[in-house]
N, C-alpha and C. Protein backbone atom coordinates (compact mmCIF):
# COMPACT_ATOMS: atom_id res chain seq x y z
N MET A 1 32.54 6.55 22.32
CA MET A 1 31.63 7.64 22.62
C MET A 1 31.34 8.47 21.37
N GLY A 2 32.37 8.76 20.58
CA GLY A 2 32.21 9.56 19.38
C GLY A 2 31.32 8.89 18.35
N LEU A 3 31.45 7.57 18.23
CA LEU A 3 30.63 6.82 17.27
C LEU A 3 29.16 6.83 17.68
N GLY A 4 28.89 6.76 18.97
CA GLY A 4 27.52 6.79 19.46
C GLY A 4 26.85 8.13 19.17
N LYS A 5 27.59 9.22 19.38
CA LYS A 5 27.05 10.55 19.11
C LYS A 5 26.79 10.75 17.61
N LEU A 6 27.70 10.23 16.80
CA LEU A 6 27.53 10.32 15.35
C LEU A 6 26.30 9.53 14.90
N THR A 7 26.11 8.37 15.48
CA THR A 7 24.94 7.54 15.16
C THR A 7 23.66 8.26 15.54
N ILE A 8 23.63 8.85 16.72
CA ILE A 8 22.44 9.59 17.17
C ILE A 8 22.19 10.79 16.27
N PHE A 9 23.26 11.49 15.89
CA PHE A 9 23.11 12.64 14.99
C PHE A 9 22.54 12.20 13.64
N CYS A 10 23.11 11.14 13.07
CA CYS A 10 22.64 10.64 11.77
C CYS A 10 21.19 10.19 11.85
N PHE A 11 20.83 9.55 12.94
CA PHE A 11 19.45 9.11 13.13
C PHE A 11 18.51 10.31 13.23
N GLY A 12 18.96 11.36 13.92
CA GLY A 12 18.16 12.58 14.02
C GLY A 12 17.95 13.25 12.67
N VAL A 13 19.00 13.29 11.86
CA VAL A 13 18.88 13.85 10.51
C VAL A 13 17.92 13.01 9.68
N PHE A 14 18.05 11.70 9.80
CA PHE A 14 17.15 10.79 9.07
C PHE A 14 15.69 11.03 9.46
N LEU A 15 15.42 11.16 10.76
CA LEU A 15 14.04 11.42 11.21
C LEU A 15 13.54 12.77 10.70
N GLY A 16 14.42 13.77 10.67
CA GLY A 16 14.02 15.07 10.15
C GLY A 16 13.64 15.02 8.69
N VAL A 17 14.43 14.31 7.90
CA VAL A 17 14.12 14.15 6.47
C VAL A 17 12.84 13.36 6.30
N LEU A 18 12.69 12.30 7.07
CA LEU A 18 11.49 11.47 6.99
C LEU A 18 10.24 12.26 7.35
N ALA A 19 10.33 13.11 8.36
CA ALA A 19 9.18 13.93 8.76
C ALA A 19 8.80 14.91 7.65
N GLY A 20 9.79 15.47 6.97
CA GLY A 20 9.52 16.38 5.86
C GLY A 20 8.84 15.69 4.70
N ILE A 21 9.27 14.47 4.41
CA ILE A 21 8.66 13.70 3.33
C ILE A 21 7.24 13.29 3.70
N ALA A 22 7.06 12.87 4.94
CA ALA A 22 5.75 12.38 5.37
C ALA A 22 4.70 13.49 5.39
N SER A 23 5.12 14.73 5.59
CA SER A 23 4.15 15.81 5.65
C SER A 23 3.73 16.30 4.27
N ALA A 24 4.42 15.89 3.22
CA ALA A 24 4.08 16.30 1.86
C ALA A 24 3.09 15.30 1.28
N HIS A 25 1.82 15.66 1.29
CA HIS A 25 0.80 14.75 0.79
C HIS A 25 -0.35 15.52 0.15
N LEU A 26 -1.15 14.82 -0.59
CA LEU A 26 -2.31 15.42 -1.23
C LEU A 26 -3.40 15.61 -0.20
N SER A 27 -3.86 16.80 -0.04
CA SER A 27 -4.94 17.10 0.90
C SER A 27 -6.28 16.83 0.22
N THR A 28 -7.22 16.31 0.98
CA THR A 28 -8.55 16.05 0.41
C THR A 28 -9.30 17.35 0.14
N THR A 29 -8.81 18.45 0.65
CA THR A 29 -9.46 19.74 0.42
C THR A 29 -8.71 20.61 -0.59
N PHE A 30 -7.70 20.05 -1.25
CA PHE A 30 -6.87 20.82 -2.17
C PHE A 30 -7.69 21.47 -3.28
N TYR A 31 -8.66 20.75 -3.82
CA TYR A 31 -9.46 21.26 -4.94
C TYR A 31 -10.82 21.82 -4.48
N SER A 32 -11.00 22.05 -3.20
CA SER A 32 -12.31 22.47 -2.71
C SER A 32 -12.77 23.81 -3.28
N SER A 33 -11.85 24.70 -3.62
CA SER A 33 -12.27 25.98 -4.21
C SER A 33 -12.10 26.01 -5.73
N SER A 34 -11.07 25.35 -6.25
CA SER A 34 -10.81 25.41 -7.69
C SER A 34 -11.64 24.41 -8.49
N CYS A 35 -12.02 23.28 -7.89
CA CYS A 35 -12.83 22.27 -8.57
C CYS A 35 -13.59 21.47 -7.50
N PRO A 36 -14.63 22.07 -6.94
CA PRO A 36 -15.28 21.50 -5.76
C PRO A 36 -15.90 20.11 -5.94
N ASN A 37 -16.31 19.74 -7.11
CA ASN A 37 -16.98 18.45 -7.31
C ASN A 37 -16.08 17.36 -7.88
N VAL A 38 -14.78 17.58 -7.86
CA VAL A 38 -13.87 16.62 -8.49
C VAL A 38 -13.91 15.26 -7.79
N HIS A 39 -13.93 15.24 -6.48
CA HIS A 39 -13.93 13.96 -5.76
C HIS A 39 -15.21 13.17 -6.03
N ALA A 40 -16.33 13.84 -6.05
CA ALA A 40 -17.60 13.16 -6.33
C ALA A 40 -17.63 12.62 -7.76
N THR A 41 -17.09 13.38 -8.70
CA THR A 41 -17.05 12.95 -10.10
C THR A 41 -16.18 11.71 -10.26
N ILE A 42 -15.02 11.72 -9.65
CA ILE A 42 -14.12 10.56 -9.73
C ILE A 42 -14.74 9.35 -9.05
N LYS A 43 -15.31 9.56 -7.89
CA LYS A 43 -15.92 8.46 -7.13
C LYS A 43 -17.05 7.80 -7.91
N LYS A 44 -17.88 8.61 -8.54
CA LYS A 44 -19.01 8.08 -9.31
C LYS A 44 -18.52 7.26 -10.51
N ALA A 45 -17.50 7.76 -11.20
CA ALA A 45 -16.97 7.04 -12.36
C ALA A 45 -16.28 5.74 -11.96
N VAL A 46 -15.56 5.76 -10.85
CA VAL A 46 -14.88 4.54 -10.37
C VAL A 46 -15.91 3.51 -9.93
N LYS A 47 -16.92 3.96 -9.21
CA LYS A 47 -17.97 3.04 -8.75
C LYS A 47 -18.67 2.39 -9.94
N SER A 48 -18.95 3.18 -10.96
CA SER A 48 -19.58 2.66 -12.17
C SER A 48 -18.69 1.62 -12.85
N ALA A 49 -17.40 1.90 -12.94
CA ALA A 49 -16.47 0.96 -13.58
C ALA A 49 -16.36 -0.34 -12.79
N VAL A 50 -16.35 -0.25 -11.46
CA VAL A 50 -16.24 -1.45 -10.62
C VAL A 50 -17.54 -2.25 -10.67
N LEU A 51 -18.67 -1.58 -10.78
CA LEU A 51 -19.94 -2.30 -10.92
C LEU A 51 -20.01 -3.07 -12.23
N LYS A 52 -19.42 -2.51 -13.28
CA LYS A 52 -19.38 -3.20 -14.58
C LYS A 52 -18.44 -4.40 -14.53
N GLU A 53 -17.31 -4.24 -13.85
CA GLU A 53 -16.32 -5.30 -13.75
C GLU A 53 -15.60 -5.18 -12.40
N ALA A 54 -15.85 -6.14 -11.52
CA ALA A 54 -15.33 -6.08 -10.15
C ALA A 54 -13.81 -6.01 -10.10
N ARG A 55 -13.12 -6.62 -11.06
CA ARG A 55 -11.66 -6.61 -11.07
C ARG A 55 -11.07 -5.23 -11.34
N MET A 56 -11.89 -4.30 -11.81
CA MET A 56 -11.38 -2.98 -12.17
C MET A 56 -10.84 -2.24 -10.95
N GLY A 57 -11.38 -2.50 -9.78
CA GLY A 57 -10.86 -1.86 -8.57
C GLY A 57 -9.40 -2.21 -8.34
N ALA A 58 -9.09 -3.49 -8.44
CA ALA A 58 -7.70 -3.93 -8.29
C ALA A 58 -6.84 -3.41 -9.44
N SER A 59 -7.41 -3.35 -10.63
CA SER A 59 -6.65 -2.87 -11.79
C SER A 59 -6.25 -1.40 -11.63
N LEU A 60 -7.15 -0.59 -11.10
CA LEU A 60 -6.84 0.83 -10.89
C LEU A 60 -5.79 1.01 -9.80
N LEU A 61 -5.88 0.19 -8.75
CA LEU A 61 -4.87 0.26 -7.70
C LEU A 61 -3.50 -0.16 -8.25
N ARG A 62 -3.48 -1.18 -9.07
CA ARG A 62 -2.23 -1.66 -9.67
C ARG A 62 -1.66 -0.62 -10.64
N LEU A 63 -2.53 0.06 -11.37
CA LEU A 63 -2.10 1.12 -12.27
C LEU A 63 -1.40 2.24 -11.48
N HIS A 64 -1.99 2.60 -10.36
CA HIS A 64 -1.40 3.62 -9.48
C HIS A 64 -0.05 3.13 -8.94
N PHE A 65 0.01 1.88 -8.52
CA PHE A 65 1.26 1.31 -8.01
C PHE A 65 2.36 1.38 -9.07
N HIS A 66 2.04 0.99 -10.29
CA HIS A 66 3.06 1.03 -11.35
C HIS A 66 3.48 2.45 -11.66
N ASP A 67 2.58 3.40 -11.52
CA ASP A 67 2.95 4.80 -11.77
C ASP A 67 3.90 5.31 -10.69
N CYS A 68 3.64 4.94 -9.46
CA CYS A 68 4.41 5.50 -8.35
C CYS A 68 5.68 4.73 -7.99
N PHE A 69 5.64 3.41 -8.11
CA PHE A 69 6.71 2.62 -7.52
C PHE A 69 7.50 1.73 -8.46
N VAL A 70 7.01 1.47 -9.66
CA VAL A 70 7.73 0.58 -10.57
C VAL A 70 8.55 1.41 -11.54
N ASN A 71 9.83 1.12 -11.59
CA ASN A 71 10.73 1.81 -12.51
C ASN A 71 10.65 1.10 -13.85
N ALA A 72 10.01 1.72 -14.81
CA ALA A 72 9.80 1.09 -16.12
C ALA A 72 10.93 1.38 -17.10
N SER A 73 11.94 2.08 -16.66
CA SER A 73 13.04 2.44 -17.57
C SER A 73 14.01 1.27 -17.72
N TRP A 74 14.28 0.90 -18.97
CA TRP A 74 15.26 -0.14 -19.23
C TRP A 74 16.65 0.46 -19.34
N LYS A 75 16.72 1.75 -19.57
CA LYS A 75 18.01 2.41 -19.75
C LYS A 75 18.75 2.55 -18.42
N TYR A 76 18.04 2.91 -17.35
CA TYR A 76 18.63 3.07 -16.03
C TYR A 76 17.81 2.26 -15.02
N PRO A 77 17.99 0.94 -14.99
CA PRO A 77 17.13 0.10 -14.17
C PRO A 77 17.41 0.13 -12.68
N HIS A 78 18.57 0.54 -12.26
CA HIS A 78 18.90 0.45 -10.85
C HIS A 78 18.44 1.71 -10.13
N TRP A 79 17.63 1.56 -9.08
CA TRP A 79 17.03 2.71 -8.41
C TRP A 79 18.06 3.57 -7.70
N LEU A 80 19.17 3.01 -7.23
CA LEU A 80 20.18 3.82 -6.56
C LEU A 80 20.83 4.80 -7.52
N ILE A 81 21.04 4.37 -8.75
CA ILE A 81 21.60 5.27 -9.76
C ILE A 81 20.65 6.44 -9.97
N MET A 82 19.35 6.14 -10.02
CA MET A 82 18.36 7.18 -10.28
C MET A 82 18.28 8.17 -9.12
N VAL A 83 18.49 7.69 -7.90
CA VAL A 83 18.43 8.58 -6.74
C VAL A 83 19.54 9.62 -6.80
N PHE A 84 20.73 9.19 -7.20
CA PHE A 84 21.88 10.08 -7.17
C PHE A 84 22.10 10.87 -8.46
N LEU A 85 21.35 10.58 -9.50
CA LEU A 85 21.48 11.34 -10.73
C LEU A 85 20.55 12.55 -10.70
N SER A 86 20.52 13.29 -11.77
CA SER A 86 19.77 14.54 -11.83
C SER A 86 18.26 14.31 -11.74
N ASN A 87 17.52 15.41 -11.66
CA ASN A 87 16.06 15.36 -11.59
C ASN A 87 15.45 14.67 -12.79
N LYS A 88 16.18 14.61 -13.88
CA LYS A 88 15.69 13.97 -15.10
C LYS A 88 15.29 12.52 -14.85
N PHE A 89 15.95 11.87 -13.91
CA PHE A 89 15.73 10.46 -13.68
C PHE A 89 14.88 10.15 -12.45
N LYS A 90 14.43 11.17 -11.76
CA LYS A 90 13.60 10.91 -10.58
C LYS A 90 12.24 10.41 -11.01
N GLN A 91 11.68 9.55 -10.19
CA GLN A 91 10.38 8.98 -10.51
C GLN A 91 9.42 9.25 -9.37
N GLY A 92 8.17 9.03 -9.62
CA GLY A 92 7.17 9.22 -8.59
C GLY A 92 5.80 9.16 -9.20
N CYS A 93 4.84 9.59 -8.46
CA CYS A 93 3.45 9.56 -8.91
C CYS A 93 3.22 10.73 -9.86
N ASP A 94 3.58 10.55 -11.12
CA ASP A 94 3.52 11.65 -12.08
C ASP A 94 2.60 11.35 -13.26
N ALA A 95 1.87 10.25 -13.20
CA ALA A 95 0.95 9.82 -14.27
C ALA A 95 1.68 9.49 -15.56
N SER A 96 2.99 9.26 -15.49
CA SER A 96 3.75 8.92 -16.69
C SER A 96 3.33 7.56 -17.26
N VAL A 97 2.73 6.73 -16.43
CA VAL A 97 2.26 5.42 -16.89
C VAL A 97 1.11 5.56 -17.89
N LEU A 98 0.49 6.73 -17.93
CA LEU A 98 -0.63 6.97 -18.84
C LEU A 98 -0.18 7.45 -20.22
N LEU A 99 1.11 7.74 -20.39
CA LEU A 99 1.60 8.29 -21.65
C LEU A 99 1.57 7.26 -22.77
N ASP A 100 1.00 7.65 -23.90
CA ASP A 100 0.94 6.79 -25.08
C ASP A 100 2.19 6.98 -25.92
N GLY A 101 2.33 6.13 -26.93
CA GLY A 101 3.41 6.28 -27.89
C GLY A 101 4.61 5.40 -27.58
N LYS A 102 5.59 5.48 -28.46
CA LYS A 102 6.79 4.64 -28.34
C LYS A 102 7.64 5.02 -27.14
N THR A 103 7.62 6.29 -26.75
CA THR A 103 8.44 6.72 -25.62
C THR A 103 7.66 6.75 -24.31
N GLY A 104 6.37 6.49 -24.36
CA GLY A 104 5.56 6.49 -23.15
C GLY A 104 5.76 5.23 -22.33
N GLU A 105 5.45 5.31 -21.05
CA GLU A 105 5.64 4.17 -20.15
C GLU A 105 4.59 3.08 -20.36
N LYS A 106 3.51 3.40 -21.01
CA LYS A 106 2.44 2.42 -21.19
C LYS A 106 2.92 1.17 -21.92
N SER A 107 3.87 1.33 -22.82
CA SER A 107 4.31 0.21 -23.64
C SER A 107 5.70 -0.31 -23.27
N THR A 108 6.27 0.13 -22.16
CA THR A 108 7.60 -0.35 -21.77
C THR A 108 7.51 -1.67 -21.02
N GLY A 109 8.64 -2.34 -20.90
CA GLY A 109 8.78 -3.66 -20.30
C GLY A 109 7.78 -4.09 -19.25
N PRO A 110 7.88 -3.59 -18.02
CA PRO A 110 7.00 -4.07 -16.96
C PRO A 110 5.52 -3.74 -17.17
N ASN A 111 5.23 -2.77 -18.01
CA ASN A 111 3.85 -2.31 -18.17
C ASN A 111 3.14 -2.86 -19.41
N ALA A 112 3.88 -3.22 -20.43
CA ALA A 112 3.29 -3.63 -21.72
C ALA A 112 2.41 -4.86 -21.54
N ASN A 113 1.20 -4.76 -22.03
CA ASN A 113 0.21 -5.86 -21.96
C ASN A 113 0.02 -6.39 -20.55
N SER A 114 0.25 -5.56 -19.57
CA SER A 114 0.16 -5.98 -18.18
C SER A 114 -0.86 -5.17 -17.39
N LEU A 115 -0.96 -3.90 -17.70
CA LEU A 115 -1.84 -3.01 -16.94
C LEU A 115 -3.19 -2.85 -17.61
N ARG A 116 -4.22 -2.64 -16.78
CA ARG A 116 -5.58 -2.42 -17.27
C ARG A 116 -6.14 -1.16 -16.61
N GLY A 117 -7.22 -0.65 -17.15
CA GLY A 117 -7.91 0.47 -16.53
C GLY A 117 -7.60 1.82 -17.14
N PHE A 118 -6.81 1.83 -18.19
CA PHE A 118 -6.48 3.11 -18.83
C PHE A 118 -7.74 3.82 -19.32
N HIS A 119 -8.68 3.05 -19.86
CA HIS A 119 -9.91 3.65 -20.39
C HIS A 119 -10.74 4.30 -19.28
N VAL A 120 -10.68 3.73 -18.08
CA VAL A 120 -11.42 4.32 -16.95
C VAL A 120 -10.82 5.67 -16.59
N ILE A 121 -9.50 5.74 -16.51
CA ILE A 121 -8.83 7.00 -16.19
C ILE A 121 -9.08 8.03 -17.30
N ASP A 122 -9.06 7.59 -18.56
CA ASP A 122 -9.35 8.50 -19.68
C ASP A 122 -10.76 9.06 -19.58
N THR A 123 -11.72 8.20 -19.23
CA THR A 123 -13.11 8.64 -19.06
C THR A 123 -13.23 9.65 -17.93
N ILE A 124 -12.58 9.35 -16.81
CA ILE A 124 -12.61 10.26 -15.66
C ILE A 124 -11.98 11.59 -16.03
N LYS A 125 -10.84 11.55 -16.72
CA LYS A 125 -10.16 12.79 -17.11
C LYS A 125 -11.04 13.66 -17.99
N SER A 126 -11.76 13.05 -18.93
CA SER A 126 -12.63 13.85 -19.80
C SER A 126 -13.79 14.45 -19.01
N LYS A 127 -14.33 13.72 -18.05
CA LYS A 127 -15.40 14.26 -17.21
C LYS A 127 -14.90 15.41 -16.33
N VAL A 128 -13.72 15.24 -15.77
CA VAL A 128 -13.14 16.28 -14.91
C VAL A 128 -12.79 17.51 -15.74
N GLU A 129 -12.30 17.32 -16.96
CA GLU A 129 -11.97 18.45 -17.83
C GLU A 129 -13.21 19.25 -18.21
N LYS A 130 -14.35 18.57 -18.38
CA LYS A 130 -15.61 19.29 -18.65
C LYS A 130 -16.04 20.09 -17.43
N LEU A 131 -15.78 19.53 -16.26
CA LEU A 131 -16.17 20.16 -15.00
C LEU A 131 -15.30 21.38 -14.70
N CYS A 132 -14.00 21.21 -14.76
CA CYS A 132 -13.06 22.31 -14.50
C CYS A 132 -11.82 22.12 -15.37
N PRO A 133 -11.82 22.73 -16.54
CA PRO A 133 -10.73 22.54 -17.51
C PRO A 133 -9.37 23.02 -17.00
N GLY A 134 -8.37 22.15 -17.17
CA GLY A 134 -7.00 22.51 -16.87
C GLY A 134 -6.66 22.70 -15.40
N VAL A 135 -7.48 22.16 -14.51
CA VAL A 135 -7.25 22.37 -13.08
C VAL A 135 -6.65 21.14 -12.41
N VAL A 136 -7.23 19.98 -12.63
CA VAL A 136 -6.84 18.76 -11.92
C VAL A 136 -5.85 17.97 -12.77
N SER A 137 -4.75 17.59 -12.16
CA SER A 137 -3.71 16.84 -12.89
C SER A 137 -4.10 15.38 -13.06
N CYS A 138 -3.53 14.76 -14.06
CA CYS A 138 -3.77 13.32 -14.28
C CYS A 138 -3.24 12.50 -13.12
N ALA A 139 -2.13 12.93 -12.53
CA ALA A 139 -1.56 12.21 -11.38
C ALA A 139 -2.53 12.22 -10.20
N ASP A 140 -3.16 13.36 -9.96
CA ASP A 140 -4.14 13.44 -8.87
C ASP A 140 -5.37 12.60 -9.17
N ILE A 141 -5.81 12.61 -10.42
CA ILE A 141 -6.96 11.79 -10.81
C ILE A 141 -6.65 10.32 -10.59
N LEU A 142 -5.47 9.88 -11.00
CA LEU A 142 -5.08 8.48 -10.82
C LEU A 142 -5.00 8.11 -9.35
N THR A 143 -4.47 9.00 -8.53
CA THR A 143 -4.34 8.74 -7.09
C THR A 143 -5.71 8.65 -6.42
N VAL A 144 -6.58 9.60 -6.70
CA VAL A 144 -7.91 9.60 -6.09
C VAL A 144 -8.73 8.41 -6.61
N ALA A 145 -8.58 8.08 -7.88
CA ALA A 145 -9.29 6.92 -8.44
C ALA A 145 -8.84 5.62 -7.77
N ALA A 146 -7.55 5.49 -7.50
CA ALA A 146 -7.04 4.30 -6.81
C ALA A 146 -7.60 4.22 -5.40
N ARG A 147 -7.66 5.37 -4.73
CA ARG A 147 -8.24 5.40 -3.38
C ARG A 147 -9.70 4.98 -3.42
N ASP A 148 -10.46 5.56 -4.33
CA ASP A 148 -11.88 5.24 -4.43
C ASP A 148 -12.11 3.80 -4.88
N ALA A 149 -11.19 3.27 -5.67
CA ALA A 149 -11.32 1.89 -6.14
C ALA A 149 -11.20 0.90 -5.00
N THR A 150 -10.34 1.20 -4.03
CA THR A 150 -10.20 0.29 -2.89
C THR A 150 -11.45 0.26 -2.04
N VAL A 151 -12.17 1.37 -2.00
CA VAL A 151 -13.44 1.41 -1.26
C VAL A 151 -14.55 0.76 -2.08
N ALA A 152 -14.53 0.96 -3.38
CA ALA A 152 -15.60 0.45 -4.25
C ALA A 152 -15.64 -1.08 -4.31
N VAL A 153 -14.52 -1.74 -4.05
CA VAL A 153 -14.50 -3.21 -4.10
C VAL A 153 -14.95 -3.84 -2.79
N ARG A 154 -15.23 -3.05 -1.79
CA ARG A 154 -15.62 -3.58 -0.47
C ARG A 154 -16.75 -4.61 -0.55
N PRO A 155 -17.82 -4.38 -1.34
CA PRO A 155 -18.90 -5.40 -1.39
C PRO A 155 -18.44 -6.74 -1.96
N TYR A 156 -17.32 -6.76 -2.65
CA TYR A 156 -16.84 -7.99 -3.28
C TYR A 156 -15.87 -8.77 -2.39
N LEU A 157 -15.54 -8.22 -1.23
CA LEU A 157 -14.60 -8.90 -0.34
C LEU A 157 -15.24 -10.13 0.28
N ILE A 158 -14.45 -11.14 0.47
CA ILE A 158 -14.93 -12.39 1.07
C ILE A 158 -14.72 -12.32 2.57
N GLY A 159 -15.74 -12.73 3.32
CA GLY A 159 -15.58 -12.81 4.77
C GLY A 159 -16.24 -11.76 5.48
């Protein structure tokens, strides 16, 4: 009986944590007052890039995936170690995949000569900076661009 109650309690705690994580998301209206045309600007640039090269839609989605889910660190490769260590080692959708240089993620193991679409994100970032300087983060630009890229490739789908 005691084990069953403990299991139910642990499951309840797990659901509570999961609900808290699930509610933390980027709202489509987050920039509606600070940078109202950001979504249209990103969408137009992504659509233009996909029209020039249809594979760019998949490339932008893959770029976002590598930013959010692929651990590019060779120093601490095991994700469990990273979970239990300090905030220094936490990963997520932080646009770190866009960082240039020897210490940037762009040139590390899983990403080196593998990812495409950096120039598209750079172009979008410069357009957004002209529109509203210092307001929209690179991580948000990458996320919205990946979302728009999945829609932009729709005409190229088979079937």
